[in-house]
Amino acid sequence: QVQLVESGGGLVQAGGSLRLSCAASGRTFSSSAMGWFRQAPGKERESVAAISWSGRTTYYAESVKGRFTISRDTAKNTVFLQMNSLKPEDTAVYYCAASAPDYIFRTSVHEYDYWGQGTQVTVSS
């Protein structure tokens, strides 16, 4: 059974940092793109960052460029999101996701097949 489990969320003051982790199990995701997404109350789920199967290609939403960094440890089936200079508008539930194992780089919500349960990130002003 495929499972993605996020951790590292919490409450932080504006300007602070958090590091999210996503541990995947059930199969290897070495040929899958991995992504982080978020959903704020009353809003649609949106893409935050994505990383290719090799780690050589990354994507960031304009709103997080220069502040967030996505990385992966393929050997450990884990993906990370380092979030710096957090803003109140970053407050949301953050989800980790994996795409199909086909070496294709994807960035959109609807292109991902496996999802974690989410972790809450709250940034106070």
PDB file of N, CA and C in Angstrom:
ATOM      1  N   GLN A   1       0.847  -1.196   0.000  1.00  0.00           N
ATOM      2  CA  GLN A   1       0.000   0.000   0.000  1.00  0.00           C
ATOM      3  C   GLN A   1       0.881   1.244   0.000  1.00  0.00           C
ATOM      4  N   VAL A   2       0.649   2.116  -0.956  1.00  0.00           N
ATOM      5  CA  VAL A   2       1.428   3.339  -1.067  1.00  0.00           C
ATOM      6  C   VAL A   2       0.992   4.323   0.013  1.00  0.00           C
ATOM      7  N   GLN A   3       1.987   4.901   0.676  1.00  0.00           N
ATOM      8  CA  GLN A   3       1.693   5.872   1.728  1.00  0.00           C
ATOM      9  C   GLN A   3       2.697   7.003   1.669  1.00  0.00           C
ATOM     10  N   LEU A   4       2.208   8.230   1.798  1.00  0.00           N
ATOM     11  CA  LEU A   4       3.056   9.414   1.919  1.00  0.00           C
ATOM     12  C   LEU A   4       2.698  10.084   3.235  1.00  0.00           C
ATOM     13  N   VAL A   5       3.699  10.324   4.070  1.00  0.00           N
ATOM     14  CA  VAL A   5       3.452  10.891   5.386  1.00  0.00           C
ATOM     15  C   VAL A   5       4.281  12.159   5.555  1.00  0.00           C
ATOM     16  N   GLU A   6       3.584  13.276   5.721  1.00  0.00           N
ATOM     17  CA  GLU A   6       4.259  14.559   5.924  1.00  0.00           C
ATOM     18  C   GLU A   6       4.506  14.805   7.413  1.00  0.00           C
ATOM     19  N   SER A   7       5.543  15.569   7.681  1.00  0.00           N
ATOM     20  CA  SER A   7       5.837  15.994   9.044  1.00  0.00           C
ATOM     21  C   SER A   7       6.585  17.320   8.996  1.00  0.00           C
ATOM     22  N   GLY A   8       6.648  17.983  10.139  1.00  0.00           N
ATOM     23  CA  GLY A   8       7.423  19.218  10.231  1.00  0.00           C
ATOM     24  C   GLY A   8       6.609  20.489  10.255  1.00  0.00           C
ATOM     25  N   GLY A   9       5.293  20.375  10.097  1.00  0.00           N
ATOM     26  CA  GLY A   9       4.464  21.569  10.156  1.00  0.00           C
ATOM     27  C   GLY A   9       4.372  22.105  11.579  1.00  0.00           C
ATOM     28  N   GLY A  10       3.767  23.276  11.697  1.00  0.00           N
ATOM     29  CA  GLY A  10       3.613  23.863  13.030  1.00  0.00           C
ATOM     30  C   GLY A  10       3.300  25.335  12.957  1.00  0.00           C
ATOM     31  N   LEU A  11       3.442  25.981  14.111  1.00  0.00           N
ATOM     32  CA  LEU A  11       3.181  27.417  14.243  1.00  0.00           C
ATOM     33  C   LEU A  11       4.512  28.151  14.314  1.00  0.00           C
ATOM     34  N   VAL A  12       4.658  29.175  13.497  1.00  0.00           N
ATOM     35  CA  VAL A  12       5.908  29.930  13.468  1.00  0.00           C
ATOM     36  C   VAL A  12       5.577  31.405  13.248  1.00  0.00           C
ATOM     37  N   GLN A  13       6.428  32.272  13.745  1.00  0.00           N
ATOM     38  CA  GLN A  13       6.227  33.703  13.531  1.00  0.00           C
ATOM     39  C   GLN A  13       6.700  34.105  12.134  1.00  0.00           C
ATOM     40  N   ALA A  14       6.134  35.184  11.634  1.00  0.00           N
ATOM     41  CA  ALA A  14       6.561  35.695  10.330  1.00  0.00           C
ATOM     42  C   ALA A  14       8.065  35.938  10.339  1.00  0.00           C
ATOM     43  N   GLY A  15       8.687  35.536   9.244  1.00  0.00           N
ATOM     44  CA  GLY A  15      10.138  35.641   9.138  1.00  0.00           C
ATOM     45  C   GLY A  15      10.868  34.389   9.567  1.00  0.00           C
ATOM     46  N   GLY A  16      10.162  33.479  10.173  1.00  0.00           N
ATOM     47  CA  GLY A  16      10.766  32.241  10.650  1.00  0.00           C
ATOM     48  C   GLY A  16      10.882  31.188   9.567  1.00  0.00           C
ATOM     49  N   SER A  17      11.330  30.009   9.985  1.00  0.00           N
ATOM     50  CA  SER A  17      11.573  28.909   9.044  1.00  0.00           C
ATOM     51  C   SER A  17      10.952  27.606   9.548  1.00  0.00           C
ATOM     52  N   LEU A  18      10.621  26.764   8.607  1.00  0.00           N
ATOM     53  CA  LEU A  18      10.183  25.396   8.896  1.00  0.00           C
ATOM     54  C   LEU A  18      10.731  24.489   7.812  1.00  0.00           C
ATOM     55  N   ARG A  19      10.937  23.226   8.166  1.00  0.00           N
ATOM     56  CA  ARG A  19      11.378  22.227   7.191  1.00  0.00           C
ATOM     57  C   ARG A  19      10.373  21.092   7.195  1.00  0.00           C
ATOM     58  N   LEU A  20       9.695  20.908   6.088  1.00  0.00           N
ATOM     59  CA  LEU A  20       8.736  19.818   5.953  1.00  0.00           C
ATOM     60  C   LEU A  20       9.438  18.598   5.363  1.00  0.00           C
ATOM     61  N   SER A  21       9.019  17.447   5.825  1.00  0.00           N
ATOM     62  CA  SER A  21       9.520  16.185   5.295  1.00  0.00           C
ATOM     63  C   SER A  21       8.358  15.332   4.839  1.00  0.00           C
ATOM     64  N   CYS A  22       8.613  14.506   3.849  1.00  0.00           N
ATOM     65  CA  CYS A  22       7.597  13.580   3.348  1.00  0.00           C
ATOM     66  C   CYS A  22       8.262  12.236   3.131  1.00  0.00           C
ATOM     67  N   ALA A  23       7.828  11.261   3.906  1.00  0.00           N
ATOM     68  CA  ALA A  23       8.374   9.908   3.794  1.00  0.00           C
ATOM     69  C   ALA A  23       7.394   9.046   3.009  1.00  0.00           C
ATOM     70  N   ALA A  24       7.900   8.444   1.946  1.00  0.00           N
ATOM     71  CA  ALA A  24       7.069   7.598   1.093  1.00  0.00           C
ATOM     72  C   ALA A  24       7.361   6.131   1.371  1.00  0.00           C
ATOM     73  N   SER A  25       6.337   5.334   1.311  1.00  0.00           N
ATOM     74  CA  SER A  25       6.504   3.896   1.515  1.00  0.00           C
ATOM     75  C   SER A  25       5.522   3.146   0.627  1.00  0.00           C
ATOM     76  N   GLY A  26       5.735   1.865   0.492  1.00  0.00           N
ATOM     77  CA  GLY A  26       4.856   1.033  -0.313  1.00  0.00           C
ATOM     78  C   GLY A  26       5.431   0.694  -1.671  1.00  0.00           C
ATOM     79  N   ARG A  27       6.246   1.593  -2.180  1.00  0.00           N
ATOM     80  CA  ARG A  27       6.985   1.327  -3.400  1.00  0.00           C
ATOM     81  C   ARG A  27       8.037   2.422  -3.555  1.00  0.00           C
ATOM     82  N   THR A  28       8.940   2.226  -4.464  1.00  0.00           N
ATOM     83  CA  THR A  28       9.937   3.248  -4.711  1.00  0.00           C
ATOM     84  C   THR A  28       9.376   4.341  -5.617  1.00  0.00           C
ATOM     85  N   PHE A  29       9.783   5.580  -5.357  1.00  0.00           N
ATOM     86  CA  PHE A  29       9.377   6.701  -6.183  1.00  0.00           C
ATOM     87  C   PHE A  29      10.565   7.278  -6.945  1.00  0.00           C
ATOM     88  N   SER A  30      11.564   6.436  -7.177  1.00  0.00           N
ATOM     89  CA  SER A  30      12.788   6.915  -7.802  1.00  0.00           C
ATOM     90  C   SER A  30      12.584   7.429  -9.223  1.00  0.00           C
ATOM     91  N   SER A  31      11.518   7.032  -9.895  1.00  0.00           N
ATOM     92  CA  SER A  31      11.243   7.505 -11.252  1.00  0.00           C
ATOM     93  C   SER A  31      10.048   8.455 -11.306  1.00  0.00           C
ATOM     94  N   SER A  32       9.637   8.937 -10.142  1.00  0.00           N
ATOM     95  CA  SER A  32       8.479   9.838 -10.051  1.00  0.00           C
ATOM     96  C   SER A  32       8.900  11.261  -9.735  1.00  0.00           C
ATOM     97  N   ALA A  33       8.199  12.223 -10.316  1.00  0.00           N
ATOM     98  CA  ALA A  33       8.302  13.590  -9.828  1.00  0.00           C
ATOM     99  C   ALA A  33       7.605  13.659  -8.469  1.00  0.00           C
ATOM    100  N   MET A  34       8.116  14.524  -7.621  1.00  0.00           N
ATOM    101  CA  MET A  34       7.512  14.728  -6.308  1.00  0.00           C
ATOM    102  C   MET A  34       7.191  16.206  -6.162  1.00  0.00           C
ATOM    103  N   GLY A  35       6.124  16.489  -5.440  1.00  0.00           N
ATOM    104  CA  GLY A  35       5.740  17.884  -5.303  1.00  0.00           C
ATOM    105  C   GLY A  35       5.167  18.205  -3.944  1.00  0.00           C
ATOM    106  N   TRP A  36       5.192  19.500  -3.655  1.00  0.00           N
ATOM    107  CA  TRP A  36       4.530  20.037  -2.477  1.00  0.00           C
ATOM    108  C   TRP A  36       3.420  20.976  -2.934  1.00  0.00           C
ATOM    109  N   PHE A  37       2.294  20.871  -2.292  1.00  0.00           N
ATOM    110  CA  PHE A  37       1.132  21.667  -2.620  1.00  0.00           C
ATOM    111  C   PHE A  37       0.558  22.209  -1.327  1.00  0.00           C
ATOM    112  N   ARG A  38      -0.290  23.220  -1.423  1.00  0.00           N
ATOM    113  CA  ARG A  38      -0.909  23.751  -0.218  1.00  0.00           C
ATOM    114  C   ARG A  38      -2.328  24.200  -0.499  1.00  0.00           C
ATOM    115  N   GLN A  39      -3.115  24.206   0.570  1.00  0.00           N
ATOM    116  CA  GLN A  39      -4.502  24.636   0.458  1.00  0.00           C
ATOM    117  C   GLN A  39      -4.863  25.446   1.686  1.00  0.00           C
ATOM    118  N   ALA A  40      -5.195  26.695   1.450  1.00  0.00           N
ATOM    119  CA  ALA A  40      -5.641  27.581   2.520  1.00  0.00           C
ATOM    120  C   ALA A  40      -7.158  27.510   2.612  1.00  0.00           C
ATOM    121  N   PRO A  41      -7.730  27.842   3.758  1.00  0.00           N
ATOM    122  CA  PRO A  41      -9.189  27.790   3.919  1.00  0.00           C
ATOM    123  C   PRO A  41      -9.905  28.615   2.854  1.00  0.00           C
ATOM    124  N   GLY A  42     -10.886  27.992   2.208  1.00  0.00           N
ATOM    125  CA  GLY A  42     -11.669  28.681   1.201  1.00  0.00           C
ATOM    126  C   GLY A  42     -11.002  28.841  -0.141  1.00  0.00           C
ATOM    127  N   LYS A  43      -9.806  28.267  -0.290  1.00  0.00           N
ATOM    128  CA  LYS A  43      -9.082  28.386  -1.549  1.00  0.00           C
ATOM    129  C   LYS A  43      -8.826  27.015  -2.155  1.00  0.00           C
ATOM    130  N   GLU A  44      -8.521  27.020  -3.436  1.00  0.00           N
ATOM    131  CA  GLU A  44      -8.193  25.773  -4.113  1.00  0.00           C
ATOM    132  C   GLU A  44      -6.767  25.346  -3.762  1.00  0.00           C
ATOM    133  N   ARG A  45      -6.517  24.060  -3.886  1.00  0.00           N
ATOM    134  CA  ARG A  45      -5.167  23.551  -3.683  1.00  0.00           C
ATOM    135  C   ARG A  45      -4.268  24.076  -4.804  1.00  0.00           C
ATOM    136  N   GLU A  46      -3.074  24.507  -4.435  1.00  0.00           N
ATOM    137  CA  GLU A  46      -2.164  25.088  -5.421  1.00  0.00           C
ATOM    138  C   GLU A  46      -0.778  24.452  -5.339  1.00  0.00           C
ATOM    139  N   SER A  47      -0.070  24.518  -6.442  1.00  0.00           N
ATOM    140  CA  SER A  47       1.289  23.999  -6.485  1.00  0.00           C
ATOM    141  C   SER A  47       2.228  24.958  -5.761  1.00  0.00           C
ATOM    142  N   VAL A  48       3.143  24.396  -5.008  1.00  0.00           N
ATOM    143  CA  VAL A  48       4.157  25.187  -4.316  1.00  0.00           C
ATOM    144  C   VAL A  48       5.533  24.940  -4.931  1.00  0.00           C
ATOM    145  N   ALA A  49       5.895  23.666  -5.027  1.00  0.00           N
ATOM    146  CA  ALA A  49       7.204  23.305  -5.580  1.00  0.00           C
ATOM    147  C   ALA A  49       7.161  21.871  -6.074  1.00  0.00           C
ATOM    148  N   ALA A  50       8.027  21.574  -7.038  1.00  0.00           N
ATOM    149  CA  ALA A  50       8.111  20.211  -7.561  1.00  0.00           C
ATOM    150  C   ALA A  50       9.557  19.910  -7.915  1.00  0.00           C
ATOM    151  N   ILE A  51       9.885  18.615  -7.902  1.00  0.00           N
ATOM    152  CA  ILE A  51      11.246  18.196  -8.213  1.00  0.00           C
ATOM    153  C   ILE A  51      11.188  16.950  -9.084  1.00  0.00           C
ATOM    154  N   SER A  52      12.051  16.905 -10.062  1.00  0.00           N
ATOM    155  CA  SER A  52      12.052  15.776 -10.990  1.00  0.00           C
ATOM    156  C   SER A  52      12.615  14.525 -10.330  1.00  0.00           C
ATOM    157  N   TRP A  53      12.483  13.406 -11.033  1.00  0.00           N
ATOM    158  CA  TRP A  53      12.942  12.136 -10.485  1.00  0.00           C
ATOM    159  C   TRP A  53      14.435  12.175 -10.167  1.00  0.00           C
ATOM    160  N   SER A  54      15.208  12.911 -10.980  1.00  0.00           N
ATOM    161  CA  SER A  54      16.656  12.973 -10.789  1.00  0.00           C
ATOM    162  C   SER A  54      17.065  14.038  -9.783  1.00  0.00           C
ATOM    163  N   GLY A  55      16.165  14.960  -9.501  1.00  0.00           N
ATOM    164  CA  GLY A  55      16.502  16.079  -8.626  1.00  0.00           C
ATOM    165  C   GLY A  55      17.124  17.248  -9.364  1.00  0.00           C
ATOM    166  N   ARG A  56      17.346  17.097 -10.655  1.00  0.00           N
ATOM    167  CA  ARG A  56      18.056  18.144 -11.413  1.00  0.00           C
ATOM    168  C   ARG A  56      17.137  19.265 -11.876  1.00  0.00           C
ATOM    169  N   THR A  57      15.833  19.005 -11.898  1.00  0.00           N
ATOM    170  CA  THR A  57      14.869  20.015 -12.339  1.00  0.00           C
ATOM    171  C   THR A  57      13.918  20.323 -11.204  1.00  0.00           C
ATOM    172  N   THR A  58      13.709  21.605 -10.968  1.00  0.00           N
ATOM    173  CA  THR A  58      12.783  22.017  -9.925  1.00  0.00           C
ATOM    174  C   THR A  58      11.854  23.108 -10.459  1.00  0.00           C
ATOM    175  N   TYR A  59      10.741  23.236  -9.788  1.00  0.00           N
ATOM    176  CA  TYR A  59       9.756  24.267 -10.105  1.00  0.00           C
ATOM    177  C   TYR A  59       9.318  24.914  -8.791  1.00  0.00           C
ATOM    178  N   TYR A  60       9.111  26.227  -8.829  1.00  0.00           N
ATOM    179  CA  TYR A  60       8.581  26.956  -7.674  1.00  0.00           C
ATOM    180  C   TYR A  60       7.493  27.913  -8.121  1.00  0.00           C
ATOM    181  N   ALA A  61       6.450  27.998  -7.327  1.00  0.00           N
ATOM    182  CA  ALA A  61       5.450  29.037  -7.555  1.00  0.00           C
ATOM    183  C   ALA A  61       6.113  30.393  -7.343  1.00  0.00           C
ATOM    184  N   GLU A  62       5.642  31.387  -8.073  1.00  0.00           N
ATOM    185  CA  GLU A  62       6.228  32.726  -7.972  1.00  0.00           C
ATOM    186  C   GLU A  62       6.203  33.243  -6.537  1.00  0.00           C
ATOM    187  N   SER A  63       5.159  32.901  -5.824  1.00  0.00           N
ATOM    188  CA  SER A  63       4.978  33.425  -4.465  1.00  0.00           C
ATOM    189  C   SER A  63       6.005  32.894  -3.474  1.00  0.00           C
ATOM    190  N   VAL A  64       6.715  31.813  -3.820  1.00  0.00           N
ATOM    191  CA  VAL A  64       7.668  31.225  -2.871  1.00  0.00           C
ATOM    192  C   VAL A  64       9.095  31.225  -3.396  1.00  0.00           C
ATOM    193  N   LYS A  65       9.295  31.662  -4.621  1.00  0.00           N
ATOM    194  CA  LYS A  65      10.640  31.677  -5.200  1.00  0.00           C
ATOM    195  C   LYS A  65      11.596  32.490  -4.339  1.00  0.00           C
ATOM    196  N   GLY A  66      12.769  31.937  -4.111  1.00  0.00           N
ATOM    197  CA  GLY A  66      13.774  32.608  -3.302  1.00  0.00           C
ATOM    198  C   GLY A  66      13.617  32.384  -1.812  1.00  0.00           C
ATOM    199  N   ARG A  67      12.490  31.798  -1.409  1.00  0.00           N
ATOM    200  CA  ARG A  67      12.240  31.537   0.030  1.00  0.00           C
ATOM    201  C   ARG A  67      12.166  30.058   0.348  1.00  0.00           C
ATOM    202  N   PHE A  68      11.621  29.273  -0.580  1.00  0.00           N
ATOM    203  CA  PHE A  68      11.439  27.833  -0.364  1.00  0.00           C
ATOM    204  C   PHE A  68      12.420  27.053  -1.227  1.00  0.00           C
ATOM    205  N   THR A  69      12.841  25.895  -0.714  1.00  0.00           N
ATOM    206  CA  THR A  69      13.715  25.005  -1.468  1.00  0.00           C
ATOM    207  C   THR A  69      13.226  23.571  -1.333  1.00  0.00           C
ATOM    208  N   ILE A  70      13.015  22.935  -2.478  1.00  0.00           N
ATOM    209  CA  ILE A  70      12.610  21.524  -2.479  1.00  0.00           C
ATOM    210  C   ILE A  70      13.834  20.662  -2.756  1.00  0.00           C
ATOM    211  N   SER A  71      13.894  19.519  -2.095  1.00  0.00           N
ATOM    212  CA  SER A  71      14.986  18.582  -2.323  1.00  0.00           C
ATOM    213  C   SER A  71      14.466  17.175  -2.074  1.00  0.00           C
ATOM    214  N   ARG A  72      15.262  16.199  -2.482  1.00  0.00           N
ATOM    215  CA  ARG A  72      14.833  14.818  -2.270  1.00  0.00           C
ATOM    216  C   ARG A  72      16.034  13.944  -1.971  1.00  0.00           C
ATOM    217  N   ASP A  73      15.765  12.890  -1.219  1.00  0.00           N
ATOM    218  CA  ASP A  73      16.734  11.840  -0.946  1.00  0.00           C
ATOM    219  C   ASP A  73      16.115  10.568  -1.505  1.00  0.00           C
ATOM    220  N   THR A  74      16.477  10.258  -2.737  1.00  0.00           N
ATOM    221  CA  THR A  74      15.837   9.135  -3.423  1.00  0.00           C
ATOM    222  C   THR A  74      16.097   7.818  -2.718  1.00  0.00           C
ATOM    223  N   ALA A  75      17.289   7.657  -2.189  1.00  0.00           N
ATOM    224  CA  ALA A  75      17.637   6.405  -1.504  1.00  0.00           C
ATOM    225  C   ALA A  75      16.734   6.167  -0.302  1.00  0.00           C
ATOM    226  N   LYS A  76      16.284   7.259   0.325  1.00  0.00           N
ATOM    227  CA  LYS A  76      15.421   7.136   1.494  1.00  0.00           C
ATOM    228  C   LYS A  76      13.956   7.388   1.163  1.00  0.00           C
ATOM    229  N   ASN A  77      13.652   7.547  -0.132  1.00  0.00           N
ATOM    230  CA  ASN A  77      12.256   7.763  -0.545  1.00  0.00           C
ATOM    231  C   ASN A  77      11.629   8.946   0.202  1.00  0.00           C
ATOM    232  N   THR A  78      12.390  10.014   0.316  1.00  0.00           N
ATOM    233  CA  THR A  78      11.960  11.163   1.106  1.00  0.00           C
ATOM    234  C   THR A  78      12.134  12.452   0.308  1.00  0.00           C
ATOM    235  N   VAL A  79      11.210  13.378   0.495  1.00  0.00           N
ATOM    236  CA  VAL A  79      11.299  14.688  -0.123  1.00  0.00           C
ATOM    237  C   VAL A  79      11.128  15.746   0.956  1.00  0.00           C
ATOM    238  N   PHE A  80      11.801  16.876   0.778  1.00  0.00           N
ATOM    239  CA  PHE A  80      11.814  17.923   1.785  1.00  0.00           C
ATOM    240  C   PHE A  80      11.368  19.253   1.185  1.00  0.00           C
ATOM    241  N   LEU A  81      10.879  20.124   2.054  1.00  0.00           N
ATOM    242  CA  LEU A  81      10.599  21.499   1.657  1.00  0.00           C
ATOM    243  C   LEU A  81      11.125  22.413   2.761  1.00  0.00           C
ATOM    244  N   GLN A  82      12.210  23.110   2.461  1.00  0.00           N
ATOM    245  CA  GLN A  82      12.750  24.094   3.396  1.00  0.00           C
ATOM    246  C   GLN A  82      12.062  25.418   3.130  1.00  0.00           C
ATOM    247  N   MET A  83      11.427  25.955   4.157  1.00  0.00           N
ATOM    248  CA  MET A  83      10.666  27.193   4.019  1.00  0.00           C
ATOM    249  C   MET A  83      11.290  28.264   4.901  1.00  0.00           C
ATOM    250  N   ASN A  84      11.802  29.299   4.289  1.00  0.00           N
ATOM    251  CA  ASN A  84      12.414  30.411   5.005  1.00  0.00           C
ATOM    252  C   ASN A  84      11.613  31.690   4.781  1.00  0.00           C
ATOM    253  N   SER A  85      11.863  32.673   5.613  1.00  0.00           N
ATOM    254  CA  SER A  85      11.197  33.976   5.491  1.00  0.00           C
ATOM    255  C   SER A  85       9.696  33.807   5.338  1.00  0.00           C
ATOM    256  N   LEU A  86       9.127  33.011   6.196  1.00  0.00           N
ATOM    257  CA  LEU A  86       7.703  32.702   6.093  1.00  0.00           C
ATOM    258  C   LEU A  86       6.845  33.934   6.318  1.00  0.00           C
ATOM    259  N   LYS A  87       5.728  33.959   5.604  1.00  0.00           N
ATOM    260  CA  LYS A  87       4.776  35.064   5.670  1.00  0.00           C
ATOM    261  C   LYS A  87       3.420  34.538   6.123  1.00  0.00           C
ATOM    262  N   PRO A  88       2.585  35.395   6.696  1.00  0.00           N
ATOM    263  CA  PRO A  88       1.244  34.938   7.093  1.00  0.00           C
ATOM    264  C   PRO A  88       0.466  34.317   5.934  1.00  0.00           C
ATOM    265  N   GLU A  89       0.683  34.796   4.724  1.00  0.00           N
ATOM    266  CA  GLU A  89      -0.031  34.235   3.581  1.00  0.00           C
ATOM    267  C   GLU A  89       0.456  32.845   3.183  1.00  0.00           C
ATOM    268  N   ASP A  90       1.501  32.356   3.821  1.00  0.00           N
ATOM    269  CA  ASP A  90       1.940  30.969   3.607  1.00  0.00           C
ATOM    270  C   ASP A  90       1.130  29.991   4.452  1.00  0.00           C
ATOM    271  N   THR A  91       0.291  30.504   5.326  1.00  0.00           N
ATOM    272  CA  THR A  91      -0.525  29.649   6.181  1.00  0.00           C
ATOM    273  C   THR A  91      -1.452  28.776   5.339  1.00  0.00           C
ATOM    274  N   ALA A  92      -1.370  27.469   5.544  1.00  0.00           N
ATOM    275  CA  ALA A  92      -2.159  26.509   4.766  1.00  0.00           C
ATOM    276  C   ALA A  92      -1.862  25.100   5.261  1.00  0.00           C
ATOM    277  N   VAL A  93      -2.633  24.160   4.763  1.00  0.00           N
ATOM    278  CA  VAL A  93      -2.274  22.755   4.916  1.00  0.00           C
ATOM    279  C   VAL A  93      -1.377  22.406   3.731  1.00  0.00           C
ATOM    280  N   TYR A  94      -0.218  21.831   4.034  1.00  0.00           N
ATOM    281  CA  TYR A  94       0.749  21.476   2.996  1.00  0.00           C
ATOM    282  C   TYR A  94       0.695  19.978   2.751  1.00  0.00           C
ATOM    283  N   TYR A  95       0.627  19.635   1.474  1.00  0.00           N
ATOM    284  CA  TYR A  95       0.525  18.246   1.061  1.00  0.00           C
ATOM    285  C   TYR A  95       1.729  17.846   0.218  1.00  0.00           C
ATOM    286  N   CYS A  96       2.185  16.632   0.429  1.00  0.00           N
ATOM    287  CA  CYS A  96       3.207  16.016  -0.397  1.00  0.00           C
ATOM    288  C   CYS A  96       2.500  15.104  -1.393  1.00  0.00           C
ATOM    289  N   ALA A  97       3.056  15.023  -2.604  1.00  0.00           N
ATOM    290  CA  ALA A  97       2.447  14.170  -3.615  1.00  0.00           C
ATOM    291  C   ALA A  97       3.511  13.579  -4.527  1.00  0.00           C
ATOM    292  N   ALA A  98       3.167  12.439  -5.118  1.00  0.00           N
ATOM    293  CA  ALA A  98       4.056  11.766  -6.064  1.00  0.00           C
ATOM    294  C   ALA A  98       3.308  11.510  -7.363  1.00  0.00           C
ATOM    295  N   SER A  99       4.027  11.637  -8.448  1.00  0.00           N
ATOM    296  CA  SER A  99       3.400  11.387  -9.742  1.00  0.00           C
ATOM    297  C   SER A  99       3.612   9.936 -10.158  1.00  0.00           C
ATOM    298  N   ALA A 100       3.110   9.582 -11.321  1.00  0.00           N
ATOM    299  CA  ALA A 100       3.303   8.233 -11.856  1.00  0.00           C
ATOM    300  C   ALA A 100       4.801   7.990 -12.074  1.00  0.00           C
ATOM    301  N   PRO A 101       5.223   6.724 -11.993  1.00  0.00           N
ATOM    302  CA  PRO A 101       6.651   6.388 -12.136  1.00  0.00           C
ATOM    303  C   PRO A 101       7.088   6.305 -13.595  1.00  0.00           C
ATOM    304  N   ASP A 102       7.129   7.459 -14.273  1.00  0.00           N
ATOM    305  CA  ASP A 102       7.406   7.457 -15.711  1.00  0.00           C
ATOM    306  C   ASP A 102       8.463   8.468 -16.128  1.00  0.00           C
ATOM    307  N   TYR A 103       9.197   9.006 -15.179  1.00  0.00           N
ATOM    308  CA  TYR A 103      10.292   9.947 -15.427  1.00  0.00           C
ATOM    309  C   TYR A 103       9.833  11.287 -16.001  1.00  0.00           C
ATOM    310  N   ILE A 104       8.556  11.563 -16.009  1.00  0.00           N
ATOM    311  CA  ILE A 104       8.042  12.822 -16.535  1.00  0.00           C
ATOM    312  C   ILE A 104       7.931  13.846 -15.414  1.00  0.00           C
ATOM    313  N   PHE A 105       8.395  15.061 -15.681  1.00  0.00           N
ATOM    314  CA  PHE A 105       8.333  16.126 -14.691  1.00  0.00           C
ATOM    315  C   PHE A 105       6.970  16.795 -14.749  1.00  0.00           C
ATOM    316  N   ARG A 106       6.340  16.909 -13.586  1.00  0.00           N
ATOM    317  CA  ARG A 106       4.997  17.469 -13.514  1.00  0.00           C
ATOM    318  C   ARG A 106       4.932  18.526 -12.428  1.00  0.00           C
ATOM    319  N   THR A 107       4.050  19.519 -12.620  1.00  0.00           N
ATOM    320  CA  THR A 107       3.930  20.583 -11.626  1.00  0.00           C
ATOM    321  C   THR A 107       2.499  20.868 -11.187  1.00  0.00           C
ATOM    322  N   SER A 108       1.517  20.360 -11.907  1.00  0.00           N
ATOM    323  CA  SER A 108       0.128  20.706 -11.614  1.00  0.00           C
ATOM    324  C   SER A 108      -0.526  19.712 -10.660  1.00  0.00           C
ATOM    325  N   VAL A 109      -1.472  20.225  -9.884  1.00  0.00           N
ATOM    326  CA  VAL A 109      -2.156  19.397  -8.891  1.00  0.00           C
ATOM    327  C   VAL A 109      -2.763  18.143  -9.527  1.00  0.00           C
ATOM    328  N   HIS A 110      -3.437  18.310 -10.660  1.00  0.00           N
ATOM    329  CA  HIS A 110      -4.179  17.203 -11.255  1.00  0.00           C
ATOM    330  C   HIS A 110      -3.272  16.159 -11.889  1.00  0.00           C
ATOM    331  N   GLU A 111      -1.973  16.443 -11.965  1.00  0.00           N
ATOM    332  CA  GLU A 111      -1.039  15.498 -12.575  1.00  0.00           C
ATOM    333  C   GLU A 111      -0.432  14.524 -11.570  1.00  0.00           C
ATOM    334  N   TYR A 112      -0.779  14.662 -10.304  1.00  0.00           N
ATOM    335  CA  TYR A 112      -0.187  13.828  -9.268  1.00  0.00           C
ATOM    336  C   TYR A 112      -1.177  12.758  -8.799  1.00  0.00           C
ATOM    337  N   ASP A 113      -0.641  11.577  -8.547  1.00  0.00           N
ATOM    338  CA  ASP A 113      -1.485  10.414  -8.286  1.00  0.00           C
ATOM    339  C   ASP A 113      -1.560   9.992  -6.822  1.00  0.00           C
ATOM    340  N   TYR A 114      -0.503  10.229  -6.081  1.00  0.00           N
ATOM    341  CA  TYR A 114      -0.444   9.768  -4.697  1.00  0.00           C
ATOM    342  C   TYR A 114      -0.281  10.977  -3.784  1.00  0.00           C
ATOM    343  N   TRP A 115      -1.065  11.000  -2.704  1.00  0.00           N
ATOM    344  CA  TRP A 115      -1.097  12.168  -1.824  1.00  0.00           C
ATOM    345  C   TRP A 115      -0.954  11.773  -0.368  1.00  0.00           C
ATOM    346  N   GLY A 116      -0.289  12.644   0.388  1.00  0.00           N
ATOM    347  CA  GLY A 116      -0.245  12.487   1.829  1.00  0.00           C
ATOM    348  C   GLY A 116      -1.479  13.106   2.469  1.00  0.00           C
ATOM    349  N   GLN A 117      -1.529  13.030   3.794  1.00  0.00           N
ATOM    350  CA  GLN A 117      -2.701  13.515   4.520  1.00  0.00           C
ATOM    351  C   GLN A 117      -2.609  15.007   4.836  1.00  0.00           C
ATOM    352  N   GLY A 118      -1.434  15.583   4.669  1.00  0.00           N
ATOM    353  CA  GLY A 118      -1.259  17.016   4.892  1.00  0.00           C
ATOM    354  C   GLY A 118      -0.728  17.347   6.268  1.00  0.00           C
ATOM    355  N   THR A 119      -0.046  18.473   6.349  1.00  0.00           N
ATOM    356  CA  THR A 119       0.450  18.977   7.622  1.00  0.00           C
ATOM    357  C   THR A 119       0.178  20.481   7.670  1.00  0.00           C
ATOM    358  N   GLN A 120      -0.294  20.946   8.810  1.00  0.00           N
ATOM    359  CA  GLN A 120      -0.690  22.347   8.946  1.00  0.00           C
ATOM    360  C   GLN A 120       0.537  23.226   9.187  1.00  0.00           C
ATOM    361  N   VAL A 121       0.600  24.315   8.435  1.00  0.00           N
ATOM    362  CA  VAL A 121       1.607  25.353   8.650  1.00  0.00           C
ATOM    363  C   VAL A 121       0.861  26.651   8.935  1.00  0.00           C
ATOM    364  N   THR A 122       1.147  27.233  10.092  1.00  0.00           N
ATOM    365  CA  THR A 122       0.514  28.483  10.476  1.00  0.00           C
ATOM    366  C   THR A 122       1.591  29.517  10.759  1.00  0.00           C
ATOM    367  N   VAL A 123       1.504  30.648  10.072  1.00  0.00           N
ATOM    368  CA  VAL A 123       2.479  31.722  10.244  1.00  0.00           C
ATOM    369  C   VAL A 123       1.758  32.917  10.857  1.00  0.00           C
ATOM    370  N   SER A 124       2.193  33.302  12.042  1.00  0.00           N
ATOM    371  CA  SER A 124       1.565  34.417  12.742  1.00  0.00           C
ATOM    372  C   SER A 124       2.294  35.722  12.414  1.00  0.00           C
ATOM    373  N   SER A 125       1.534  36.795  12.403  1.00  0.00           N
ATOM    374  CA  SER A 125       2.123  38.113  12.068  1.00  0.00           C
ATOM    375  C   SER A 125       2.636  38.830  13.297  1.00  0.00           C
TER     376      SER A 125
END
